[in-house]
Amino acid sequence: MKLIIKKENTKKENTCCFTGPRPHKLPFLANETDVRTFCLREKIEAAVIDEIIQNHCDTFLCGMARGVDMLCAGIVLSLKKIYGNDIRLVCVLPCLSQAQAWPKEAQARYKSILSQADKNILLQREYTEGCPAARNRFMVEHSSRLIAVYDGASGGGTKYTIDYARGRGRFVTVIDPFLT
């Protein structure tokens, strides 16, 4: 896996990033046959296609956290089979050890996505307490749009990223994971 450290040359107006909760907030994501997973996947895919067609987005930044981030990365990779090189997946890693403590299956999926991505950006080598938030700010700063999976009630990194994006004048699409 080739890593680029803190350099991105995409046009911000054609770039969209993702945010959403980790698996403990959406445990149904562990089951790909769960109707809620299917419905959420369809909503995210429709939002990505809308960004491609309506807003001419060709680059999608993903922070590669477990849960919604990796679901979004998988959706972009599947859409690349339709749109080809007209769209790109850029994985933005907060640190080298991001997936180190994850279950083996999640690590394998993580590595598979990284190997298929058009570009991987490493923000810092070592983990620090603020590196996930720094990753989210980096993605927002290098995007004009954000697709967020958010229930409107919980806090955490997803809410922080939505607030940060809105504060920077980015267009935010919010998908409620509990509405079918």
C-alpha atoms as a PDB file:
ATOM      1  CA  MET A   1       0.000   0.000   0.000  1.00  0.00           C
ATOM      2  CA  LYS A   2       1.437   3.321  -1.076  1.00  0.00           C
ATOM      3  CA  LEU A   3       0.797   6.145   1.378  1.00  0.00           C
ATOM      4  CA  ILE A   4       0.969   9.829   0.614  1.00  0.00           C
ATOM      5  CA  ILE A   5       1.601  12.001   3.622  1.00  0.00           C
ATOM      6  CA  LYS A   6      -0.625  15.103   3.842  1.00  0.00           C
ATOM      7  CA  LYS A   7      -0.898  15.989   0.190  1.00  0.00           C
ATOM      8  CA  GLU A   8      -4.064  16.131  -1.834  1.00  0.00           C
ATOM      9  CA  ASN A   9      -4.429  17.727  -5.253  1.00  0.00           C
ATOM     10  CA  THR A  10      -8.129  17.211  -5.934  1.00  0.00           C
ATOM     11  CA  LYS A  11     -10.486  20.049  -6.780  1.00  0.00           C
ATOM     12  CA  LYS A  12     -12.404  20.722  -3.582  1.00  0.00           C
ATOM     13  CA  GLU A  13     -15.600  21.644  -5.457  1.00  0.00           C
ATOM     14  CA  ASN A  14     -15.729  18.126  -6.951  1.00  0.00           C
ATOM     15  CA  THR A  15     -15.000  16.312  -3.699  1.00  0.00           C
ATOM     16  CA  CYS A  16     -17.330  14.797  -1.117  1.00  0.00           C
ATOM     17  CA  CYS A  17     -16.447  13.176   2.205  1.00  0.00           C
ATOM     18  CA  PHE A  18     -18.243  10.835   4.598  1.00  0.00           C
ATOM     19  CA  THR A  19     -18.934  10.617   8.311  1.00  0.00           C
ATOM     20  CA  GLY A  20     -20.996   8.273  10.429  1.00  0.00           C
ATOM     21  CA  PRO A  21     -21.076   6.216  13.604  1.00  0.00           C
ATOM     22  CA  ARG A  22     -18.926   3.279  14.584  1.00  0.00           C
ATOM     23  CA  PRO A  23     -20.339  -0.266  14.878  1.00  0.00           C
ATOM     24  CA  HIS A  24     -21.342  -0.015  18.545  1.00  0.00           C
ATOM     25  CA  LYS A  25     -23.935   2.642  17.625  1.00  0.00           C
ATOM     26  CA  LEU A  26     -25.244   0.689  14.615  1.00  0.00           C
ATOM     27  CA  PRO A  27     -24.736  -2.991  15.517  1.00  0.00           C
ATOM     28  CA  PHE A  28     -27.000  -4.126  12.669  1.00  0.00           C
ATOM     29  CA  LEU A  29     -24.190  -3.226  10.222  1.00  0.00           C
ATOM     30  CA  ALA A  30     -22.419  -6.438  11.259  1.00  0.00           C
ATOM     31  CA  ASN A  31     -25.155  -8.374   9.427  1.00  0.00           C
ATOM     32  CA  GLU A  32     -25.182  -7.611   5.702  1.00  0.00           C
ATOM     33  CA  THR A  33     -28.506  -9.455   5.307  1.00  0.00           C
ATOM     34  CA  ASP A  34     -30.257  -7.288   7.919  1.00  0.00           C
ATOM     35  CA  VAL A  35     -32.943  -5.195   6.207  1.00  0.00           C
ATOM     36  CA  ARG A  36     -31.694  -2.097   8.074  1.00  0.00           C
ATOM     37  CA  THR A  37     -28.207  -2.576   6.619  1.00  0.00           C
ATOM     38  CA  PHE A  38     -29.680  -3.034   3.156  1.00  0.00           C
ATOM     39  CA  CYS A  39     -31.849   0.106   3.485  1.00  0.00           C
ATOM     40  CA  LEU A  40     -28.975   2.212   4.815  1.00  0.00           C
ATOM     41  CA  ARG A  41     -26.691   0.984   2.047  1.00  0.00           C
ATOM     42  CA  GLU A  42     -29.315   1.924  -0.564  1.00  0.00           C
ATOM     43  CA  LYS A  43     -29.742   5.420   0.930  1.00  0.00           C
ATOM     44  CA  ILE A  44     -25.995   6.044   0.978  1.00  0.00           C
ATOM     45  CA  GLU A  45     -25.595   4.719  -2.550  1.00  0.00           C
ATOM     46  CA  ALA A  46     -28.401   7.017  -3.780  1.00  0.00           C
ATOM     47  CA  ALA A  47     -26.722   9.989  -2.078  1.00  0.00           C
ATOM     48  CA  VAL A  48     -23.362   9.142  -3.677  1.00  0.00           C
ATOM     49  CA  ILE A  49     -24.942   8.756  -7.118  1.00  0.00           C
ATOM     50  CA  ASP A  50     -26.694  12.096  -6.610  1.00  0.00           C
ATOM     51  CA  GLU A  51     -23.345  13.701  -5.775  1.00  0.00           C
ATOM     52  CA  ILE A  52     -21.838  12.203  -8.941  1.00  0.00           C
ATOM     53  CA  ILE A  53     -24.670  13.145 -11.306  1.00  0.00           C
ATOM     54  CA  GLN A  54     -26.146  16.331  -9.841  1.00  0.00           C
ATOM     55  CA  ASN A  55     -23.079  17.907  -8.249  1.00  0.00           C
ATOM     56  CA  HIS A  56     -20.311  16.520 -10.489  1.00  0.00           C
ATOM     57  CA  CYS A  57     -18.379  14.998  -7.581  1.00  0.00           C
ATOM     58  CA  ASP A  58     -15.648  12.718  -8.808  1.00  0.00           C
ATOM     59  CA  THR A  59     -13.620  12.226  -5.623  1.00  0.00           C
ATOM     60  CA  PHE A  60     -14.824  10.714  -2.341  1.00  0.00           C
ATOM     61  CA  LEU A  61     -12.773  10.993   0.848  1.00  0.00           C
ATOM     62  CA  CYS A  62     -13.225   8.302   3.469  1.00  0.00           C
ATOM     63  CA  GLY A  63     -11.704   8.253   6.970  1.00  0.00           C
ATOM     64  CA  MET A  64     -11.722   4.433   7.056  1.00  0.00           C
ATOM     65  CA  ALA A  65     -13.087   3.999  10.581  1.00  0.00           C
ATOM     66  CA  ARG A  66     -15.095   0.865  11.290  1.00  0.00           C
ATOM     67  CA  GLY A  67     -18.815   1.141  10.717  1.00  0.00           C
ATOM     68  CA  VAL A  68     -20.270   3.667   8.297  1.00  0.00           C
ATOM     69  CA  ASP A  69     -16.916   4.820   6.881  1.00  0.00           C
ATOM     70  CA  MET A  70     -16.024   1.380   5.583  1.00  0.00           C
ATOM     71  CA  LEU A  71     -19.583   0.858   4.317  1.00  0.00           C
ATOM     72  CA  CYS A  72     -19.268   4.101   2.320  1.00  0.00           C
ATOM     73  CA  ALA A  73     -15.863   3.099   0.959  1.00  0.00           C
ATOM     74  CA  GLY A  74     -17.334  -0.202  -0.220  1.00  0.00           C
ATOM     75  CA  ILE A  75     -20.183   1.627  -1.948  1.00  0.00           C
ATOM     76  CA  VAL A  76     -17.778   3.905  -3.818  1.00  0.00           C
ATOM     77  CA  LEU A  77     -15.701   0.906  -4.867  1.00  0.00           C
ATOM     78  CA  SER A  78     -18.813  -0.869  -6.160  1.00  0.00           C
ATOM     79  CA  LEU A  79     -19.851   2.269  -8.089  1.00  0.00           C
ATOM     80  CA  LYS A  80     -16.402   2.395  -9.685  1.00  0.00           C
ATOM     81  CA  LYS A  81     -17.473  -0.741 -11.559  1.00  0.00           C
ATOM     82  CA  ILE A  82     -20.162   1.403 -13.214  1.00  0.00           C
ATOM     83  CA  TYR A  83     -18.434   4.787 -13.469  1.00  0.00           C
ATOM     84  CA  GLY A  84     -14.868   3.515 -13.858  1.00  0.00           C
ATOM     85  CA  ASN A  85     -12.084   6.018 -13.447  1.00  0.00           C
ATOM     86  CA  ASP A  86     -14.597   8.874 -13.516  1.00  0.00           C
ATOM     87  CA  ILE A  87     -14.794   8.553  -9.729  1.00  0.00           C
ATOM     88  CA  ARG A  88     -12.041   8.072  -7.167  1.00  0.00           C
ATOM     89  CA  LEU A  89     -11.861   6.782  -3.620  1.00  0.00           C
ATOM     90  CA  VAL A  90      -9.288   8.488  -1.413  1.00  0.00           C
ATOM     91  CA  CYS A  91      -8.745   6.942   2.023  1.00  0.00           C
ATOM     92  CA  VAL A  92      -7.618   9.433   4.669  1.00  0.00           C
ATOM     93  CA  LEU A  93      -5.881   7.638   7.533  1.00  0.00           C
ATOM     94  CA  PRO A  94      -5.412   9.432  10.838  1.00  0.00           C
ATOM     95  CA  CYS A  95      -2.377   7.272  11.751  1.00  0.00           C
ATOM     96  CA  LEU A  96      -0.620   4.065  10.752  1.00  0.00           C
ATOM     97  CA  SER A  97      -2.046   2.048  13.635  1.00  0.00           C
ATOM     98  CA  GLN A  98      -5.709   2.884  12.918  1.00  0.00           C
ATOM     99  CA  ALA A  99      -6.799  -0.738  12.447  1.00  0.00           C
ATOM    100  CA  GLN A 100      -4.214  -2.431  14.651  1.00  0.00           C
ATOM    101  CA  ALA A 101      -6.584  -3.408  17.488  1.00  0.00           C
ATOM    102  CA  TRP A 102      -9.552  -4.308  15.285  1.00  0.00           C
ATOM    103  CA  PRO A 103     -10.844  -7.862  14.845  1.00  0.00           C
ATOM    104  CA  LYS A 104      -8.986  -9.788  12.126  1.00  0.00           C
ATOM    105  CA  GLU A 105     -11.978  -9.750   9.745  1.00  0.00           C
ATOM    106  CA  ALA A 106     -12.253  -5.952   9.993  1.00  0.00           C
ATOM    107  CA  GLN A 107      -8.508  -5.603   9.446  1.00  0.00           C
ATOM    108  CA  ALA A 108      -8.729  -7.733   6.308  1.00  0.00           C
ATOM    109  CA  ARG A 109     -11.586  -5.615   4.939  1.00  0.00           C
ATOM    110  CA  TYR A 110      -9.652  -2.445   5.785  1.00  0.00           C
ATOM    111  CA  LYS A 111      -6.564  -3.664   3.922  1.00  0.00           C
ATOM    112  CA  SER A 112      -8.665  -4.771   0.963  1.00  0.00           C
ATOM    113  CA  ILE A 113     -10.297  -1.341   0.663  1.00  0.00           C
ATOM    114  CA  LEU A 114      -6.938   0.429   0.970  1.00  0.00           C
ATOM    115  CA  SER A 115      -5.504  -1.759  -1.797  1.00  0.00           C
ATOM    116  CA  GLN A 116      -8.401  -0.861  -4.126  1.00  0.00           C
ATOM    117  CA  ALA A 117      -8.465   2.872  -3.344  1.00  0.00           C
ATOM    118  CA  ASP A 118      -7.133   5.347  -5.865  1.00  0.00           C
ATOM    119  CA  LYS A 119      -5.077   7.059  -3.184  1.00  0.00           C
ATOM    120  CA  ASN A 120      -4.320   6.661   0.528  1.00  0.00           C
ATOM    121  CA  ILE A 121      -3.336   9.695   2.568  1.00  0.00           C
ATOM    122  CA  LEU A 122      -1.616   9.263   5.935  1.00  0.00           C
ATOM    123  CA  LEU A 123      -1.949  12.287   8.186  1.00  0.00           C
ATOM    124  CA  GLN A 124       0.496  11.223  10.904  1.00  0.00           C
ATOM    125  CA  ARG A 125       2.527   8.151  11.734  1.00  0.00           C
ATOM    126  CA  GLU A 126       1.720   7.787  15.451  1.00  0.00           C
ATOM    127  CA  TYR A 127      -1.667   7.843  17.170  1.00  0.00           C
ATOM    128  CA  THR A 128      -2.469  10.882  19.295  1.00  0.00           C
ATOM    129  CA  GLU A 129      -5.679  11.679  21.128  1.00  0.00           C
ATOM    130  CA  GLY A 130      -6.779  14.254  18.562  1.00  0.00           C
ATOM    131  CA  CYS A 131      -5.826  12.479  15.355  1.00  0.00           C
ATOM    132  CA  PRO A 132      -9.332  11.178  14.470  1.00  0.00           C
ATOM    133  CA  ALA A 133     -10.746  14.713  14.760  1.00  0.00           C
ATOM    134  CA  ALA A 134      -7.802  16.057  12.739  1.00  0.00           C
ATOM    135  CA  ARG A 135      -8.613  13.481  10.040  1.00  0.00           C
ATOM    136  CA  ASN A 136     -12.242  14.653   9.968  1.00  0.00           C
ATOM    137  CA  ARG A 137     -11.200  18.305   9.687  1.00  0.00           C
ATOM    138  CA  PHE A 138      -8.769  17.428   6.878  1.00  0.00           C
ATOM    139  CA  MET A 139     -11.542  15.707   4.926  1.00  0.00           C
ATOM    140  CA  VAL A 140     -13.939  18.635   5.370  1.00  0.00           C
ATOM    141  CA  GLU A 141     -11.246  21.172   4.415  1.00  0.00           C
ATOM    142  CA  HIS A 142     -10.574  19.231   1.204  1.00  0.00           C
ATOM    143  CA  SER A 143     -14.261  18.771   0.273  1.00  0.00           C
ATOM    144  CA  SER A 144     -17.206  20.912  -0.702  1.00  0.00           C
ATOM    145  CA  ARG A 145     -19.800  18.365   0.407  1.00  0.00           C
ATOM    146  CA  LEU A 146     -20.380  15.866   3.220  1.00  0.00           C
ATOM    147  CA  ILE A 147     -22.597  12.784   3.367  1.00  0.00           C
ATOM    148  CA  ALA A 148     -23.344  12.071   7.024  1.00  0.00           C
ATOM    149  CA  VAL A 149     -25.136   9.109   8.564  1.00  0.00           C
ATOM    150  CA  TYR A 150     -26.581  10.633  11.714  1.00  0.00           C
ATOM    151  CA  ASP A 151     -29.667  10.133  13.861  1.00  0.00           C
ATOM    152  CA  GLY A 152     -29.832  13.808  14.875  1.00  0.00           C
ATOM    153  CA  ALA A 153     -29.541  13.036  18.574  1.00  0.00           C
ATOM    154  CA  SER A 154     -26.219  11.474  19.485  1.00  0.00           C
ATOM    155  CA  GLY A 155     -22.953  13.363  19.858  1.00  0.00           C
ATOM    156  CA  GLY A 156     -19.431  12.190  19.157  1.00  0.00           C
ATOM    157  CA  GLY A 157     -17.244  12.460  16.092  1.00  0.00           C
ATOM    158  CA  THR A 158     -20.116  12.387  13.602  1.00  0.00           C
ATOM    159  CA  LYS A 159     -21.853  15.395  15.159  1.00  0.00           C
ATOM    160  CA  TYR A 160     -18.506  17.180  15.465  1.00  0.00           C
ATOM    161  CA  THR A 161     -17.802  16.629  11.764  1.00  0.00           C
ATOM    162  CA  ILE A 162     -21.274  17.784  10.701  1.00  0.00           C
ATOM    163  CA  ASP A 163     -20.979  20.934  12.821  1.00  0.00           C
ATOM    164  CA  TYR A 164     -17.463  21.582  11.508  1.00  0.00           C
ATOM    165  CA  ALA A 165     -18.612  21.159   7.889  1.00  0.00           C
ATOM    166  CA  ARG A 166     -21.616  23.444   8.335  1.00  0.00           C
ATOM    167  CA  GLY A 167     -19.414  26.010  10.068  1.00  0.00           C
ATOM    168  CA  ARG A 168     -17.154  25.972   7.004  1.00  0.00           C
ATOM    169  CA  GLY A 169     -20.079  26.422   4.624  1.00  0.00           C
ATOM    170  CA  ARG A 170     -20.066  22.891   3.240  1.00  0.00           C
ATOM    171  CA  PHE A 171     -23.242  21.312   1.927  1.00  0.00           C
ATOM    172  CA  VAL A 172     -24.258  18.460   4.245  1.00  0.00           C
ATOM    173  CA  THR A 173     -26.566  15.576   3.341  1.00  0.00           C
ATOM    174  CA  VAL A 174     -27.800  13.834   6.496  1.00  0.00           C
ATOM    175  CA  ILE A 175     -29.103  10.268   6.310  1.00  0.00           C
ATOM    176  CA  ASP A 176     -30.939   8.977   9.369  1.00  0.00           C
ATOM    177  CA  PRO A 177     -29.910   5.331   9.822  1.00  0.00           C
ATOM    178  CA  PHE A 178     -33.132   4.477  11.639  1.00  0.00           C
ATOM    179  CA  LEU A 179     -35.628   5.771   9.067  1.00  0.00           C
ATOM    180  CA  THR A 180     -36.503   3.238   6.370  1.00  0.00           C
END
